[in-house]
């Protein structure tokens, strides 16, 4: 396959993935400390068939967060991989911890997000998003296990070519683990993406335990706190 054909195919793939599914992990489960900064790079995405194997779509996302207080962190992120293919995707949001952990009863946080996806004046999307997460800290380093439900809301009444939009909710169950250090955090996360939607007749073949429904995502993240 010629390189230009390869780039063209992947440009289409990245745009379709950007406009259909969440392509990055949950930004903050637990808020940063007050006045603390966090710079994060995450890598990964939905698993797809590629040749004879399976790979995650290689989305590279940069994120910056700031601890407004000990229970509230604001953040902004930018999808680097999508931008390389002419699709600009940014996320603006905040994580608010609403409950503290009480032994085996988890702490709870909520994360509202505004997702903005732009390619040109005819390809612009805005998705409100709300994630609800429960997390448990353990050990002297306060490592963290978490699970949650991430929800994207489709506001448009029409799909491409004027087709009626019948699905206005894209939900994504999530489970992950965070390793906590003084300056560095590391994170691994898996996400079941849109199990309520068919993945048939799309530009790629998704690898998912749900056959022709949704996708399965894997993500790695690294955060430097300062």
N, C-alpha and C. Protein backbone atom coordinates (compact mmCIF):
# COMPACT_ATOMS: atom_id res chain seq x y z
N UNK A 1 0.85 -1.20 0.00
CA UNK A 1 0.00 0.00 0.00
C UNK A 1 0.88 1.25 0.00
N UNK A 2 0.63 2.18 -0.90
CA UNK A 2 1.40 3.40 -0.94
C UNK A 2 1.17 4.23 0.30
N UNK A 3 2.16 5.04 0.67
CA UNK A 3 2.08 5.83 1.90
C UNK A 3 0.92 6.81 1.86
N UNK A 4 0.63 7.40 0.70
CA UNK A 4 -0.48 8.35 0.60
C UNK A 4 -1.82 7.68 0.84
N UNK A 5 -1.97 6.43 0.32
CA UNK A 5 -3.19 5.69 0.57
C UNK A 5 -3.32 5.35 2.05
N UNK A 6 -2.20 4.97 2.66
CA UNK A 6 -2.19 4.65 4.09
C UNK A 6 -2.62 5.85 4.92
N UNK A 7 -2.08 7.02 4.63
CA UNK A 7 -2.42 8.22 5.37
C UNK A 7 -3.88 8.62 5.15
N UNK A 8 -4.37 8.45 3.94
CA UNK A 8 -5.76 8.79 3.65
C UNK A 8 -6.70 7.90 4.45
N UNK A 9 -6.44 6.59 4.45
CA UNK A 9 -7.30 5.66 5.18
C UNK A 9 -7.29 5.99 6.67
N UNK A 10 -6.10 6.23 7.22
CA UNK A 10 -6.03 6.51 8.64
C UNK A 10 -6.61 7.86 8.99
N UNK A 11 -6.56 8.82 8.08
CA UNK A 11 -7.22 10.10 8.33
C UNK A 11 -8.73 9.90 8.48
N UNK A 12 -9.31 9.08 7.61
CA UNK A 12 -10.75 8.79 7.71
C UNK A 12 -11.05 8.05 9.00
N UNK A 13 -10.20 7.06 9.33
CA UNK A 13 -10.41 6.29 10.55
C UNK A 13 -10.39 7.18 11.78
N UNK A 14 -9.40 8.04 11.87
CA UNK A 14 -9.27 8.90 13.05
C UNK A 14 -10.45 9.86 13.16
N UNK A 15 -10.91 10.40 12.05
CA UNK A 15 -12.05 11.32 12.12
C UNK A 15 -13.30 10.57 12.56
N UNK A 16 -13.53 9.38 12.01
CA UNK A 16 -14.72 8.62 12.38
C UNK A 16 -14.68 8.23 13.86
N UNK A 17 -13.51 7.82 14.33
CA UNK A 17 -13.40 7.46 15.73
C UNK A 17 -13.59 8.66 16.63
N UNK A 18 -13.05 9.80 16.24
CA UNK A 18 -13.18 11.00 17.04
C UNK A 18 -14.63 11.43 17.19
N UNK A 19 -15.42 11.24 16.13
CA UNK A 19 -16.79 11.71 16.17
C UNK A 19 -17.76 10.66 16.68
N UNK A 20 -17.30 9.40 16.83
CA UNK A 20 -18.20 8.36 17.29
C UNK A 20 -17.97 7.97 18.74
N UNK A 21 -16.73 7.92 19.17
CA UNK A 21 -16.43 7.36 20.47
C UNK A 21 -15.46 8.24 21.25
N UNK A 22 -15.54 8.10 22.58
CA UNK A 22 -14.55 8.74 23.43
C UNK A 22 -13.20 8.07 23.18
N UNK A 23 -12.19 8.85 22.88
CA UNK A 23 -10.90 8.29 22.47
C UNK A 23 -9.82 8.52 23.49
N UNK A 24 -10.16 8.82 24.70
CA UNK A 24 -9.15 9.05 25.73
C UNK A 24 -9.68 8.54 27.07
N UNK A 25 -8.78 8.27 28.01
CA UNK A 25 -9.22 7.79 29.31
C UNK A 25 -9.82 8.90 30.16
N UNK A 26 -10.40 8.52 31.28
CA UNK A 26 -10.92 9.50 32.23
C UNK A 26 -9.77 10.38 32.71
N UNK A 27 -9.97 11.70 32.75
CA UNK A 27 -8.87 12.61 33.02
C UNK A 27 -8.42 12.58 34.49
N UNK A 28 -9.33 12.86 35.40
CA UNK A 28 -9.01 12.83 36.83
C UNK A 28 -10.11 12.09 37.56
N UNK A 29 -9.72 11.08 38.31
CA UNK A 29 -10.67 10.36 39.16
C UNK A 29 -10.72 11.05 40.53
N UNK A 30 -9.54 11.25 41.10
CA UNK A 30 -9.40 11.99 42.35
C UNK A 30 -8.81 13.36 42.03
N UNK A 31 -9.36 14.45 42.58
CA UNK A 31 -8.80 15.78 42.30
C UNK A 31 -7.36 15.91 42.79
N UNK A 32 -6.61 16.80 42.16
CA UNK A 32 -5.29 17.17 42.63
C UNK A 32 -5.40 17.93 43.95
N UNK A 33 -4.27 18.06 44.65
CA UNK A 33 -4.26 18.90 45.85
C UNK A 33 -4.46 20.37 45.46
N UNK A 34 -4.84 21.17 46.42
CA UNK A 34 -5.04 22.59 46.16
C UNK A 34 -3.75 23.23 45.64
N UNK A 35 -3.87 24.00 44.55
CA UNK A 35 -2.77 24.70 43.89
C UNK A 35 -1.74 23.77 43.25
N UNK A 36 -2.06 22.50 43.14
CA UNK A 36 -1.16 21.56 42.49
C UNK A 36 -1.45 21.51 40.99
N UNK A 37 -0.39 21.36 40.20
CA UNK A 37 -0.52 21.24 38.75
C UNK A 37 -0.25 19.79 38.34
N UNK A 38 -0.85 19.38 37.24
CA UNK A 38 -0.61 18.04 36.72
C UNK A 38 -0.54 18.07 35.21
N UNK A 39 0.53 17.50 34.64
CA UNK A 39 0.68 17.38 33.18
C UNK A 39 0.67 15.90 32.83
N UNK A 40 -0.25 15.50 31.96
CA UNK A 40 -0.47 14.08 31.67
C UNK A 40 -0.34 13.79 30.18
N UNK A 41 0.28 12.66 29.88
CA UNK A 41 0.27 12.11 28.53
C UNK A 41 -0.37 10.73 28.62
N UNK A 42 -1.39 10.49 27.79
CA UNK A 42 -2.02 9.17 27.76
C UNK A 42 -1.97 8.62 26.35
N UNK A 43 -1.94 7.29 26.28
CA UNK A 43 -1.81 6.61 24.99
C UNK A 43 -2.76 5.41 24.96
N UNK A 44 -3.46 5.24 23.84
CA UNK A 44 -4.32 4.08 23.68
C UNK A 44 -5.64 4.45 23.05
N UNK A 45 -6.49 3.46 22.90
CA UNK A 45 -7.78 3.69 22.29
C UNK A 45 -8.52 2.38 22.08
N UNK A 46 -9.59 2.41 21.27
CA UNK A 46 -10.35 1.19 20.98
C UNK A 46 -9.49 0.15 20.28
N UNK A 47 -9.71 -1.13 20.60
CA UNK A 47 -8.98 -2.20 19.94
C UNK A 47 -9.61 -2.50 18.59
N UNK A 48 -8.76 -2.63 17.57
CA UNK A 48 -9.24 -2.93 16.23
C UNK A 48 -8.40 -4.06 15.63
N UNK A 49 -8.97 -4.71 14.62
CA UNK A 49 -8.22 -5.71 13.86
C UNK A 49 -7.30 -4.99 12.89
N UNK A 50 -6.03 -5.39 12.88
CA UNK A 50 -5.06 -4.77 11.97
C UNK A 50 -4.18 -5.88 11.43
N UNK A 51 -4.39 -6.23 10.16
CA UNK A 51 -3.68 -7.37 9.59
C UNK A 51 -4.13 -8.64 10.29
N UNK A 52 -3.17 -9.41 10.77
CA UNK A 52 -3.49 -10.66 11.46
C UNK A 52 -3.59 -10.47 12.97
N UNK A 53 -3.37 -9.25 13.44
CA UNK A 53 -3.35 -9.01 14.88
C UNK A 53 -4.41 -8.03 15.35
N UNK A 54 -4.26 -7.63 16.61
CA UNK A 54 -5.16 -6.66 17.24
C UNK A 54 -4.31 -5.57 17.87
N UNK A 55 -4.66 -4.32 17.62
CA UNK A 55 -3.93 -3.19 18.20
C UNK A 55 -4.92 -2.15 18.70
N UNK A 56 -4.51 -1.34 19.69
CA UNK A 56 -5.35 -0.19 20.05
C UNK A 56 -5.10 0.95 19.07
N UNK A 57 -6.15 1.70 18.74
CA UNK A 57 -5.94 2.91 17.95
C UNK A 57 -4.97 3.80 18.73
N UNK A 58 -3.85 4.22 18.12
CA UNK A 58 -2.80 4.91 18.89
C UNK A 58 -3.08 6.39 19.12
N UNK A 59 -4.10 6.68 19.91
CA UNK A 59 -4.38 8.06 20.25
C UNK A 59 -3.42 8.54 21.34
N UNK A 60 -2.78 9.67 21.08
CA UNK A 60 -1.90 10.30 22.05
C UNK A 60 -2.56 11.60 22.49
N UNK A 61 -2.83 11.71 23.80
CA UNK A 61 -3.58 12.85 24.32
C UNK A 61 -2.77 13.55 25.41
N UNK A 62 -2.66 14.88 25.32
CA UNK A 62 -1.99 15.69 26.33
C UNK A 62 -3.03 16.39 27.18
N UNK A 63 -2.78 16.44 28.49
CA UNK A 63 -3.74 17.02 29.43
C UNK A 63 -3.02 17.86 30.47
N UNK A 64 -3.66 18.97 30.84
CA UNK A 64 -3.15 19.81 31.94
C UNK A 64 -4.27 20.02 32.95
N UNK A 65 -3.96 19.84 34.23
CA UNK A 65 -4.94 20.04 35.28
C UNK A 65 -4.40 20.94 36.39
N UNK A 66 -5.32 21.60 37.09
CA UNK A 66 -4.94 22.49 38.20
C UNK A 66 -5.91 22.28 39.36
N UNK A 67 -5.35 22.10 40.56
CA UNK A 67 -6.16 21.90 41.75
C UNK A 67 -6.73 23.22 42.27
N UNK A 68 -7.99 23.49 41.99
CA UNK A 68 -8.63 24.72 42.45
C UNK A 68 -8.77 24.70 43.96
N UNK A 69 -9.19 23.57 44.49
CA UNK A 69 -9.09 23.30 45.93
C UNK A 69 -8.91 21.80 46.08
N UNK A 70 -8.94 21.29 47.31
CA UNK A 70 -8.64 19.87 47.53
C UNK A 70 -9.71 18.93 47.00
N UNK A 71 -10.87 19.46 46.62
CA UNK A 71 -11.94 18.61 46.10
C UNK A 71 -12.33 18.95 44.66
N UNK A 72 -11.64 19.92 44.05
CA UNK A 72 -12.04 20.37 42.71
C UNK A 72 -10.81 20.64 41.84
N UNK A 73 -10.75 19.97 40.68
CA UNK A 73 -9.66 20.17 39.72
C UNK A 73 -10.24 20.51 38.36
N UNK A 74 -9.74 21.58 37.76
CA UNK A 74 -10.10 21.93 36.39
C UNK A 74 -9.05 21.41 35.43
N UNK A 75 -9.44 21.09 34.20
CA UNK A 75 -8.48 20.54 33.26
C UNK A 75 -8.85 20.85 31.81
N UNK A 76 -7.85 20.73 30.95
CA UNK A 76 -8.04 20.85 29.50
C UNK A 76 -7.15 19.81 28.83
N UNK A 77 -7.65 19.21 27.75
CA UNK A 77 -6.85 18.20 27.05
C UNK A 77 -6.92 18.42 25.54
N UNK A 78 -5.93 17.87 24.85
CA UNK A 78 -5.81 18.04 23.40
C UNK A 78 -5.37 16.71 22.80
N UNK A 79 -6.12 16.22 21.80
CA UNK A 79 -5.81 14.96 21.14
C UNK A 79 -4.76 15.21 20.05
N UNK A 80 -3.53 14.82 20.34
CA UNK A 80 -2.41 15.08 19.43
C UNK A 80 -2.52 14.27 18.15
N UNK A 81 -2.85 13.00 18.27
CA UNK A 81 -2.94 12.14 17.09
C UNK A 81 -4.00 12.62 16.12
N UNK A 82 -5.17 12.95 16.63
CA UNK A 82 -6.24 13.44 15.75
C UNK A 82 -5.81 14.71 15.02
N UNK A 83 -5.10 15.59 15.75
CA UNK A 83 -4.65 16.85 15.15
C UNK A 83 -3.69 16.60 13.98
N UNK A 84 -2.87 15.57 14.08
CA UNK A 84 -1.94 15.25 13.00
C UNK A 84 -2.67 14.88 11.71
N UNK A 85 -3.92 14.45 11.85
CA UNK A 85 -4.73 14.08 10.69
C UNK A 85 -5.79 15.12 10.39
N UNK A 86 -5.62 16.34 10.95
CA UNK A 86 -6.51 17.44 10.61
C UNK A 86 -7.81 17.49 11.37
N UNK A 87 -7.93 16.69 12.44
CA UNK A 87 -9.15 16.68 13.25
C UNK A 87 -8.81 17.22 14.64
N UNK A 88 -9.31 18.40 14.98
CA UNK A 88 -8.94 19.05 16.24
C UNK A 88 -9.97 18.74 17.31
N UNK A 89 -9.50 18.07 18.37
CA UNK A 89 -10.38 17.66 19.46
C UNK A 89 -9.82 18.14 20.79
N UNK A 90 -10.61 18.96 21.50
CA UNK A 90 -10.22 19.43 22.82
C UNK A 90 -11.32 19.09 23.82
N UNK A 91 -10.92 18.96 25.08
CA UNK A 91 -11.86 18.70 26.16
C UNK A 91 -11.60 19.70 27.28
N UNK A 92 -12.65 20.31 27.78
CA UNK A 92 -12.58 21.24 28.90
C UNK A 92 -13.51 20.74 29.99
N UNK A 93 -13.00 20.57 31.20
CA UNK A 93 -13.85 20.02 32.24
C UNK A 93 -13.31 20.21 33.63
N UNK A 94 -13.95 19.56 34.58
CA UNK A 94 -13.56 19.64 35.99
C UNK A 94 -13.97 18.36 36.69
N UNK A 95 -13.18 17.98 37.69
CA UNK A 95 -13.53 16.82 38.53
C UNK A 95 -13.80 17.32 39.95
N UNK A 96 -14.96 16.95 40.48
CA UNK A 96 -15.38 17.34 41.82
C UNK A 96 -15.59 16.08 42.65
N UNK A 97 -14.86 15.97 43.78
CA UNK A 97 -15.08 14.86 44.70
C UNK A 97 -16.26 15.21 45.60
N UNK A 98 -17.27 14.35 45.62
CA UNK A 98 -18.49 14.63 46.38
C UNK A 98 -18.62 13.78 47.63
N UNK A 99 -17.88 12.67 47.70
CA UNK A 99 -17.90 11.81 48.89
C UNK A 99 -16.49 11.33 49.20
N UNK A 100 -16.15 11.24 50.48
CA UNK A 100 -14.88 10.69 50.90
C UNK A 100 -15.00 9.19 51.12
N UNK A 101 -13.86 8.50 51.03
CA UNK A 101 -13.85 7.07 51.28
C UNK A 101 -14.05 6.80 52.77
N UNK A 102 -14.85 5.79 53.09
CA UNK A 102 -15.09 5.38 54.48
C UNK A 102 -14.87 3.87 54.54
N UNK A 103 -13.63 3.48 54.84
CA UNK A 103 -13.23 2.07 54.85
C UNK A 103 -13.49 1.44 53.49
N UNK A 104 -14.45 0.51 53.41
CA UNK A 104 -14.71 -0.16 52.14
C UNK A 104 -15.75 0.57 51.29
N UNK A 105 -16.33 1.62 51.83
CA UNK A 105 -17.26 2.44 51.05
C UNK A 105 -16.43 3.43 50.23
N UNK A 106 -16.56 3.43 48.91
CA UNK A 106 -15.65 4.21 48.07
C UNK A 106 -15.90 5.71 48.13
N UNK A 107 -14.88 6.46 47.79
CA UNK A 107 -15.04 7.88 47.50
C UNK A 107 -15.73 8.00 46.13
N UNK A 108 -16.40 9.12 45.90
CA UNK A 108 -17.13 9.32 44.65
C UNK A 108 -16.78 10.69 44.09
N UNK A 109 -16.55 10.74 42.78
CA UNK A 109 -16.31 12.01 42.09
C UNK A 109 -17.17 12.09 40.83
N UNK A 110 -17.45 13.31 40.40
CA UNK A 110 -18.17 13.53 39.15
C UNK A 110 -17.33 14.44 38.26
N UNK A 111 -17.41 14.21 36.95
CA UNK A 111 -16.59 14.97 36.00
C UNK A 111 -17.44 15.41 34.81
N UNK A 112 -17.91 16.66 34.81
CA UNK A 112 -18.56 17.19 33.60
C UNK A 112 -17.50 17.70 32.63
N UNK A 113 -17.74 17.46 31.33
CA UNK A 113 -16.76 17.82 30.29
C UNK A 113 -17.48 18.36 29.07
N UNK A 114 -16.86 19.35 28.43
CA UNK A 114 -17.31 19.83 27.12
C UNK A 114 -16.31 19.33 26.09
N UNK A 115 -16.77 18.51 25.13
CA UNK A 115 -15.93 17.98 24.06
C UNK A 115 -16.20 18.75 22.78
N UNK A 116 -15.15 19.27 22.18
CA UNK A 116 -15.27 20.04 20.95
C UNK A 116 -14.41 19.37 19.88
N UNK A 117 -15.03 18.99 18.76
CA UNK A 117 -14.34 18.30 17.68
C UNK A 117 -14.55 19.10 16.40
N UNK A 118 -13.46 19.48 15.74
CA UNK A 118 -13.55 20.36 14.56
C UNK A 118 -12.62 19.87 13.46
N UNK A 119 -13.14 19.77 12.27
CA UNK A 119 -12.33 19.51 11.08
C UNK A 119 -12.44 20.67 10.10
N UNK A 120 -13.65 21.10 9.83
CA UNK A 120 -13.90 22.28 9.02
C UNK A 120 -15.31 22.78 9.37
N UNK A 121 -15.77 23.80 8.67
CA UNK A 121 -17.06 24.39 9.02
C UNK A 121 -18.23 23.42 8.84
N UNK A 122 -18.02 22.39 8.00
CA UNK A 122 -19.07 21.40 7.79
C UNK A 122 -18.90 20.16 8.65
N UNK A 123 -17.83 20.09 9.43
CA UNK A 123 -17.57 18.93 10.29
C UNK A 123 -17.17 19.43 11.67
N UNK A 124 -18.17 19.86 12.41
CA UNK A 124 -17.98 20.38 13.77
C UNK A 124 -18.96 19.68 14.70
N UNK A 125 -18.46 19.21 15.85
CA UNK A 125 -19.33 18.54 16.81
C UNK A 125 -19.04 19.04 18.22
N UNK A 126 -20.11 19.09 19.02
CA UNK A 126 -19.99 19.41 20.44
C UNK A 126 -20.73 18.34 21.23
N UNK A 127 -20.02 17.71 22.16
CA UNK A 127 -20.62 16.68 22.99
C UNK A 127 -20.49 17.05 24.47
N UNK A 128 -21.59 17.25 25.19
CA UNK A 128 -21.50 17.31 26.65
C UNK A 128 -21.20 15.90 27.18
N UNK A 129 -20.48 15.84 28.27
CA UNK A 129 -20.08 14.55 28.83
C UNK A 129 -20.17 14.62 30.35
N UNK A 130 -20.58 13.51 30.98
CA UNK A 130 -20.61 13.44 32.44
C UNK A 130 -20.14 12.06 32.87
N UNK A 131 -19.07 12.03 33.67
CA UNK A 131 -18.55 10.78 34.21
C UNK A 131 -18.80 10.74 35.72
N UNK A 132 -19.20 9.57 36.20
CA UNK A 132 -19.38 9.34 37.64
C UNK A 132 -18.47 8.18 38.02
N UNK A 133 -17.58 8.42 39.00
CA UNK A 133 -16.58 7.42 39.36
C UNK A 133 -16.56 7.14 40.85
N UNK A 134 -16.34 5.87 41.19
CA UNK A 134 -16.10 5.45 42.57
C UNK A 134 -14.66 4.96 42.66
N UNK A 135 -13.95 5.33 43.73
CA UNK A 135 -12.56 4.90 43.84
C UNK A 135 -12.19 4.57 45.27
N UNK A 136 -11.27 3.61 45.37
CA UNK A 136 -10.77 3.15 46.66
C UNK A 136 -9.26 3.35 46.69
N UNK A 137 -8.75 4.04 47.69
CA UNK A 137 -7.31 4.18 47.89
C UNK A 137 -6.85 3.12 48.88
N UNK A 138 -5.61 2.62 48.67
CA UNK A 138 -5.11 1.59 49.57
C UNK A 138 -3.58 1.72 49.68
N UNK A 139 -3.03 1.18 50.78
CA UNK A 139 -1.59 1.15 50.97
C UNK A 139 -1.00 2.49 51.35
N UNK A 140 0.28 2.48 51.72
CA UNK A 140 0.93 3.70 52.19
C UNK A 140 1.12 4.73 51.08
N UNK A 141 1.15 4.28 49.82
CA UNK A 141 1.31 5.20 48.69
C UNK A 141 -0.04 5.71 48.17
N UNK A 142 -1.13 5.20 48.75
CA UNK A 142 -2.48 5.58 48.32
C UNK A 142 -2.70 5.31 46.84
N UNK A 143 -2.28 4.11 46.42
CA UNK A 143 -2.65 3.66 45.09
C UNK A 143 -4.17 3.56 45.00
N UNK A 144 -4.70 3.44 43.81
CA UNK A 144 -6.14 3.60 43.66
C UNK A 144 -6.72 2.59 42.66
N UNK A 145 -7.83 1.99 43.06
CA UNK A 145 -8.65 1.18 42.16
C UNK A 145 -9.94 1.96 41.92
N UNK A 146 -10.41 1.99 40.69
CA UNK A 146 -11.63 2.75 40.43
C UNK A 146 -12.50 2.10 39.37
N UNK A 147 -13.76 2.46 39.40
CA UNK A 147 -14.70 2.06 38.35
C UNK A 147 -15.66 3.22 38.15
N UNK A 148 -16.29 3.26 37.00
CA UNK A 148 -17.17 4.39 36.75
C UNK A 148 -18.03 4.19 35.52
N UNK A 149 -18.83 5.20 35.26
CA UNK A 149 -19.68 5.23 34.07
C UNK A 149 -19.52 6.58 33.42
N UNK A 150 -19.03 6.56 32.18
CA UNK A 150 -18.79 7.78 31.40
C UNK A 150 -19.92 7.91 30.38
N UNK A 151 -20.51 9.10 30.30
CA UNK A 151 -21.67 9.30 29.43
C UNK A 151 -21.45 10.48 28.49
N UNK A 152 -21.59 10.23 27.19
CA UNK A 152 -21.59 11.29 26.19
C UNK A 152 -23.02 11.50 25.71
N UNK A 153 -23.38 12.76 25.43
CA UNK A 153 -24.74 13.09 25.02
C UNK A 153 -24.71 13.67 23.60
N UNK A 154 -25.46 13.05 22.71
CA UNK A 154 -25.57 13.50 21.32
C UNK A 154 -26.72 14.50 21.22
N UNK A 155 -26.40 15.74 20.88
CA UNK A 155 -27.40 16.80 20.81
C UNK A 155 -28.03 16.93 19.43
N UNK A 156 -27.34 16.48 18.41
CA UNK A 156 -27.83 16.64 17.04
C UNK A 156 -29.03 15.75 16.77
N UNK A 157 -29.97 16.27 16.02
CA UNK A 157 -31.16 15.51 15.62
C UNK A 157 -30.94 14.76 14.31
N UNK A 158 -29.86 15.08 13.61
CA UNK A 158 -29.58 14.47 12.32
C UNK A 158 -28.15 13.91 12.30
N UNK A 159 -27.99 12.79 11.59
CA UNK A 159 -26.68 12.23 11.32
C UNK A 159 -26.24 12.70 9.94
N UNK A 160 -25.14 12.17 9.43
CA UNK A 160 -24.68 12.56 8.10
C UNK A 160 -25.74 12.21 7.07
N UNK A 161 -25.76 12.99 5.99
CA UNK A 161 -26.71 12.80 4.89
C UNK A 161 -28.17 12.99 5.32
N UNK A 162 -28.38 13.70 6.44
CA UNK A 162 -29.72 14.01 6.88
C UNK A 162 -30.47 12.86 7.52
N UNK A 163 -29.77 11.77 7.86
CA UNK A 163 -30.41 10.62 8.50
C UNK A 163 -30.78 10.97 9.94
N UNK A 164 -31.96 10.56 10.38
CA UNK A 164 -32.43 10.88 11.72
C UNK A 164 -31.53 10.25 12.78
N UNK A 165 -31.18 11.03 13.78
CA UNK A 165 -30.35 10.55 14.89
C UNK A 165 -31.25 9.85 15.91
N UNK A 166 -31.02 8.56 16.13
CA UNK A 166 -31.86 7.79 17.04
C UNK A 166 -31.18 7.50 18.38
N UNK A 167 -29.86 7.71 18.45
CA UNK A 167 -29.12 7.44 19.69
C UNK A 167 -28.56 8.74 20.25
N UNK A 168 -29.05 9.14 21.42
CA UNK A 168 -28.61 10.39 22.01
C UNK A 168 -27.76 10.18 23.27
N UNK A 169 -27.49 8.92 23.60
CA UNK A 169 -26.64 8.62 24.75
C UNK A 169 -25.61 7.59 24.36
N UNK A 170 -24.34 7.90 24.62
CA UNK A 170 -23.23 6.97 24.44
C UNK A 170 -22.62 6.75 25.82
N UNK A 171 -22.78 5.55 26.39
CA UNK A 171 -22.25 5.32 27.73
C UNK A 171 -21.10 4.32 27.69
N UNK A 172 -20.19 4.46 28.66
CA UNK A 172 -18.96 3.69 28.66
C UNK A 172 -18.56 3.28 30.07
N UNK A 173 -18.86 2.04 30.49
CA UNK A 173 -18.35 1.54 31.78
C UNK A 173 -16.83 1.49 31.76
N UNK A 174 -16.24 1.84 32.90
CA UNK A 174 -14.78 1.98 32.99
C UNK A 174 -14.25 1.33 34.26
N UNK A 175 -13.08 0.72 34.16
CA UNK A 175 -12.38 0.22 35.34
C UNK A 175 -10.89 0.49 35.16
N UNK A 176 -10.21 0.84 36.25
CA UNK A 176 -8.80 1.17 36.11
C UNK A 176 -8.04 1.09 37.42
N UNK A 177 -6.74 1.29 37.33
CA UNK A 177 -5.86 1.28 38.51
C UNK A 177 -4.83 2.38 38.37
N UNK A 178 -4.62 3.14 39.44
CA UNK A 178 -3.63 4.20 39.46
C UNK A 178 -2.53 3.92 40.45
N UNK A 179 -1.28 4.12 40.02
CA UNK A 179 -0.11 3.98 40.89
C UNK A 179 0.35 5.39 41.26
N UNK A 180 0.41 5.68 42.56
CA UNK A 180 0.64 7.04 43.03
C UNK A 180 2.04 7.22 43.60
N UNK A 181 2.75 8.26 43.13
CA UNK A 181 4.05 8.62 43.67
C UNK A 181 4.06 10.07 44.13
N UNK A 182 5.17 10.52 44.65
CA UNK A 182 5.26 11.91 45.12
C UNK A 182 5.15 12.89 43.96
N UNK A 183 5.82 12.58 42.86
CA UNK A 183 5.81 13.48 41.70
C UNK A 183 5.17 12.87 40.47
N UNK A 184 5.13 11.54 40.42
CA UNK A 184 4.63 10.86 39.23
C UNK A 184 3.48 9.93 39.57
N UNK A 185 2.46 9.92 38.74
CA UNK A 185 1.38 8.95 38.80
C UNK A 185 1.35 8.16 37.48
N UNK A 186 1.04 6.88 37.57
CA UNK A 186 0.88 6.04 36.38
C UNK A 186 -0.48 5.36 36.44
N UNK A 187 -1.07 5.17 35.27
CA UNK A 187 -2.45 4.71 35.25
C UNK A 187 -2.68 3.75 34.09
N UNK A 188 -3.48 2.71 34.35
CA UNK A 188 -3.94 1.82 33.29
C UNK A 188 -5.45 1.72 33.39
N UNK A 189 -6.12 1.78 32.24
CA UNK A 189 -7.58 1.83 32.24
C UNK A 189 -8.13 1.02 31.07
N UNK A 190 -9.25 0.35 31.33
CA UNK A 190 -10.00 -0.31 30.27
C UNK A 190 -11.40 0.28 30.24
N UNK A 191 -11.96 0.32 29.04
CA UNK A 191 -13.26 0.98 28.87
C UNK A 191 -14.08 0.21 27.84
N UNK A 192 -15.32 -0.10 28.19
CA UNK A 192 -16.25 -0.67 27.23
C UNK A 192 -16.99 0.50 26.59
N UNK A 193 -16.75 0.72 25.32
CA UNK A 193 -17.21 1.93 24.65
C UNK A 193 -18.51 1.66 23.88
N UNK A 194 -19.54 2.37 24.24
CA UNK A 194 -20.83 2.33 23.52
C UNK A 194 -21.34 0.92 23.28
N UNK A 195 -21.54 0.12 24.34
CA UNK A 195 -22.08 -1.23 24.13
C UNK A 195 -23.53 -1.22 23.64
N UNK A 196 -24.17 -0.05 23.67
CA UNK A 196 -25.55 0.07 23.18
C UNK A 196 -25.64 0.37 21.69
N UNK A 197 -24.47 0.53 21.03
CA UNK A 197 -24.47 0.89 19.61
C UNK A 197 -23.83 -0.20 18.75
N UNK A 198 -24.34 -0.37 17.56
CA UNK A 198 -23.78 -1.34 16.63
C UNK A 198 -22.45 -0.82 16.07
N UNK A 199 -21.48 -1.74 15.91
CA UNK A 199 -20.21 -1.37 15.30
C UNK A 199 -20.09 -1.93 13.88
N UNK A 200 -21.20 -2.35 13.31
CA UNK A 200 -21.19 -2.87 11.96
C UNK A 200 -21.21 -1.74 10.93
N UNK A 201 -20.71 -2.03 9.75
CA UNK A 201 -20.69 -1.10 8.62
C UNK A 201 -19.92 0.18 8.93
N UNK A 202 -18.85 0.04 9.72
CA UNK A 202 -17.96 1.17 10.01
C UNK A 202 -16.65 0.97 9.25
N UNK A 203 -15.76 1.95 9.35
CA UNK A 203 -14.53 1.90 8.55
C UNK A 203 -13.49 0.95 9.11
N UNK A 204 -13.65 0.48 10.34
CA UNK A 204 -12.71 -0.46 10.93
C UNK A 204 -13.49 -1.59 11.60
N UNK A 205 -12.79 -2.71 11.85
CA UNK A 205 -13.38 -3.84 12.57
C UNK A 205 -12.92 -3.78 14.02
N UNK A 206 -13.86 -3.58 14.93
CA UNK A 206 -13.52 -3.50 16.34
C UNK A 206 -13.38 -4.89 16.94
N UNK A 207 -12.44 -5.02 17.88
CA UNK A 207 -12.30 -6.23 18.68
C UNK A 207 -13.03 -5.97 20.00
N UNK A 208 -14.10 -6.71 20.24
CA UNK A 208 -14.91 -6.49 21.42
C UNK A 208 -15.56 -7.80 21.84
N UNK A 209 -15.73 -8.04 23.14
CA UNK A 209 -16.40 -9.26 23.59
C UNK A 209 -17.90 -9.25 23.30
N UNK A 210 -18.40 -8.13 22.78
CA UNK A 210 -19.83 -8.01 22.53
C UNK A 210 -20.17 -8.15 21.05
N UNK A 211 -19.30 -8.85 20.30
CA UNK A 211 -19.52 -9.15 18.89
C UNK A 211 -19.73 -7.89 18.07
N UNK A 212 -20.97 -7.58 17.69
CA UNK A 212 -21.22 -6.43 16.81
C UNK A 212 -21.70 -5.20 17.56
N UNK A 213 -21.41 -5.13 18.87
CA UNK A 213 -21.82 -3.98 19.67
C UNK A 213 -20.61 -3.28 20.28
N UNK A 214 -20.51 -1.96 20.09
CA UNK A 214 -19.52 -1.15 20.78
C UNK A 214 -18.08 -1.49 20.47
N UNK A 215 -17.20 -1.13 21.40
CA UNK A 215 -15.77 -1.36 21.26
C UNK A 215 -15.15 -1.51 22.64
N UNK A 216 -13.91 -2.01 22.68
CA UNK A 216 -13.20 -2.22 23.94
C UNK A 216 -11.90 -1.43 23.88
N UNK A 217 -11.71 -0.50 24.83
CA UNK A 217 -10.53 0.36 24.81
C UNK A 217 -9.55 0.07 25.91
N UNK A 218 -8.27 0.25 25.63
CA UNK A 218 -7.18 0.10 26.60
C UNK A 218 -6.31 1.35 26.55
N UNK A 219 -5.97 1.89 27.74
CA UNK A 219 -5.24 3.16 27.81
C UNK A 219 -4.16 3.10 28.90
N UNK A 220 -3.04 3.77 28.64
CA UNK A 220 -1.98 3.97 29.60
C UNK A 220 -1.75 5.46 29.78
N UNK A 221 -1.49 5.88 31.02
CA UNK A 221 -1.27 7.29 31.27
C UNK A 221 -0.15 7.54 32.25
N UNK A 222 0.49 8.70 32.12
CA UNK A 222 1.57 9.10 32.99
C UNK A 222 1.38 10.57 33.34
N UNK A 223 1.38 10.89 34.64
CA UNK A 223 1.15 12.28 35.09
C UNK A 223 2.33 12.77 35.92
N UNK A 224 2.81 13.96 35.58
CA UNK A 224 3.85 14.64 36.38
C UNK A 224 3.18 15.73 37.19
N UNK A 225 3.29 15.65 38.53
CA UNK A 225 2.69 16.65 39.43
C UNK A 225 3.76 17.67 39.84
N UNK A 226 3.35 18.91 39.92
CA UNK A 226 4.31 19.94 40.34
C UNK A 226 3.58 21.12 40.97
